[in-house]
Protein backbone atom coordinates (compact mmCIF):
# COMPACT_ATOMS: atom_id res chain seq x y z
CA MET A 1 0.91 7.90 7.73
CA LYS A 2 4.29 9.32 7.58
CA PHE A 3 5.55 5.86 8.52
CA PHE A 4 3.78 4.23 5.61
CA LEU A 5 4.94 7.13 2.91
CA ILE A 6 8.33 6.62 4.14
CA ALA A 7 8.70 2.87 4.05
CA GLY A 8 6.97 2.67 0.64
CA ALA A 9 9.63 5.01 -0.49
CA VAL A 10 12.32 3.01 0.41
CA ASN A 11 10.89 -0.18 -0.58
CA ALA A 12 10.29 1.34 -4.22
CA LEU A 13 14.16 2.26 -4.19
CA LEU A 14 15.24 -1.00 -2.66
CA SER A 15 13.15 -2.71 -5.55
CA VAL A 16 14.65 -0.67 -8.17
CA ALA A 17 18.20 -1.14 -7.01
CA PHE A 18 17.80 -4.95 -6.43
CA GLY A 19 16.14 -5.33 -9.74
CA ALA A 20 19.53 -3.48 -11.06
CA PHE A 21 21.67 -5.74 -9.03
CA GLY A 22 20.05 -8.81 -10.12
CA ALA A 23 19.81 -7.59 -14.07
CA HIS A 24 23.50 -6.75 -13.93
CA LEU A 25 25.36 -8.29 -11.33
CA LEU A 26 23.51 -11.96 -11.23
CA GLU A 27 23.16 -12.78 -14.72
CA GLY A 28 25.41 -15.54 -15.22
CA ARG A 29 26.24 -16.06 -11.45
CA VAL A 30 23.12 -17.87 -10.67
CA ALA A 31 20.79 -20.44 -12.55
CA ASP A 32 18.04 -18.84 -14.97
CA LYS A 33 15.44 -19.98 -12.56
CA TYR A 34 16.77 -18.27 -9.70
CA LEU A 35 17.05 -15.50 -11.79
CA ASP A 36 13.44 -15.69 -12.81
CA THR A 37 12.66 -15.97 -8.79
CA TRP A 38 14.62 -12.67 -8.17
CA GLN A 39 12.51 -10.65 -10.38
CA THR A 40 9.35 -12.16 -8.97
CA ALA A 41 10.66 -10.85 -5.84
CA VAL A 42 11.54 -7.32 -7.16
CA GLN A 43 7.87 -6.90 -8.68
CA TYR A 44 6.14 -7.97 -5.75
CA GLN A 45 8.17 -5.76 -3.49
CA MET A 46 7.54 -2.90 -5.72
CA PHE A 47 3.88 -3.27 -6.23
CA HIS A 48 3.86 -3.33 -2.31
CA ALA A 49 5.72 -0.47 -1.71
CA ILE A 50 3.39 1.25 -4.00
CA GLY A 51 0.57 -0.01 -1.94
CA LEU A 52 2.22 1.29 0.91
CA MET A 53 2.74 4.78 -0.23
CA VAL A 54 -1.51 4.72 -1.07
CA VAL A 55 -2.03 3.59 2.83
CA GLY A 56 0.06 6.61 3.93
CA ILE A 57 -1.72 9.04 1.21
CA LEU A 58 -5.20 7.50 2.53
CA MET A 59 -4.19 8.03 6.10
CA SER A 60 -3.62 11.51 5.53
CA SER A 61 -6.46 11.94 4.15
CA SER A 62 -8.41 11.30 7.71
CA LEU A 63 -10.50 8.50 6.56
CA ILE A 64 -12.75 8.63 9.71
CA GLY A 65 -13.31 4.91 11.29
CA ALA A 66 -10.62 3.63 8.62
CA LEU A 67 -7.21 4.21 10.40
CA GLY A 68 -6.89 0.88 12.12
CA SER A 69 -7.89 -0.98 9.30
CA LEU A 70 -5.39 1.35 7.16
CA SER A 71 -2.78 0.91 9.93
CA TRP A 72 -3.20 -3.20 9.54
CA ALA A 73 -2.72 -2.83 5.83
CA GLY A 74 0.06 -1.11 5.65
CA TYR A 75 1.93 -3.44 8.40
CA LEU A 76 0.60 -6.48 6.57
CA MET A 77 2.16 -5.08 2.95
CA LEU A 78 5.39 -4.26 4.86
CA ALA A 79 5.51 -8.09 6.44
CA GLY A 80 4.86 -9.54 2.81
CA ILE A 81 7.40 -7.45 1.41
CA ILE A 82 9.81 -8.76 4.09
CA ILE A 83 8.87 -12.43 4.41
CA PHE A 84 7.87 -13.07 0.57
CA SER A 85 10.30 -10.93 -1.10
CA GLY A 86 13.10 -11.22 1.66
CA SER A 87 12.66 -15.08 0.98
CA LEU A 88 13.21 -15.28 -2.57
CA TYR A 89 16.04 -12.94 -2.37
CA VAL A 90 17.59 -15.31 -0.34
CA LEU A 91 16.32 -18.56 -2.12
CA SER A 92 17.96 -17.13 -5.01
CA LEU A 93 21.46 -16.38 -3.69
CA THR A 94 21.82 -19.26 -1.68
CA GLY A 95 19.77 -21.94 -3.32
CA ILE A 96 18.46 -23.10 0.14
CA SER A 97 15.35 -24.60 -1.44
CA ILE A 98 13.44 -24.88 2.29
CA LEU A 99 13.31 -20.87 2.08
CA GLY A 100 10.52 -21.48 -0.47
CA ALA A 101 8.30 -22.69 2.21
CA ILE A 102 8.00 -19.76 4.12
CA THR A 103 6.89 -17.69 0.84
CA PRO A 104 3.78 -18.12 1.00
CA ILE A 105 3.37 -16.65 4.75
CA GLY A 106 4.39 -13.52 3.08
CA GLY A 107 1.77 -14.11 0.25
CA VAL A 108 -0.74 -14.47 2.68
CA ALA A 109 0.14 -10.99 4.46
CA PHE A 110 0.17 -9.40 0.99
CA ILE A 111 -3.57 -10.70 0.64
CA ALA A 112 -4.66 -9.97 4.30
CA GLY A 113 -3.59 -6.38 3.45
CA TRP A 114 -5.28 -5.54 0.39
CA ILE A 115 -8.34 -7.09 2.20
CA MET A 116 -7.43 -4.61 5.48
CA LEU A 117 -7.33 -2.07 2.54
CA ILE A 118 -10.91 -2.98 1.17
CA VAL A 119 -12.05 -3.01 4.68
CA ALA A 120 -11.11 0.71 4.80
CA ALA A 121 -12.67 1.84 2.14
CA SER A 122 -16.16 0.27 2.80
CA LYS A 123 -15.54 1.97 6.31
CA ALA A 124 -14.85 5.38 4.49
CA LEU A 125 -17.55 5.33 2.01
């Protein structure tokens, strides 16, 4: 529980910092398509930072039978942030287009994380 709350808060902080970095320091230094890519990474990081905090809060409510599913949801969301947003950040800064090939793996992790949250909710209710 504590891990996911802290991981969510740290990722929310990083999302805001990376958003400001992109808006103020990357403009004029990278192509507009890479600024858009950077913004997508920031948005998905924030959405899933909130998801991590939700997971942590739900774990603290001791949903019987759902803790395993909630853990999976949290770890998959965290992996998604690292793979999806991380690859887009690096792509935006370097222009190495092959990095776009691993981004969908992070997207699948996001989807699987939300599915596990659904599974946890259905077990708890």
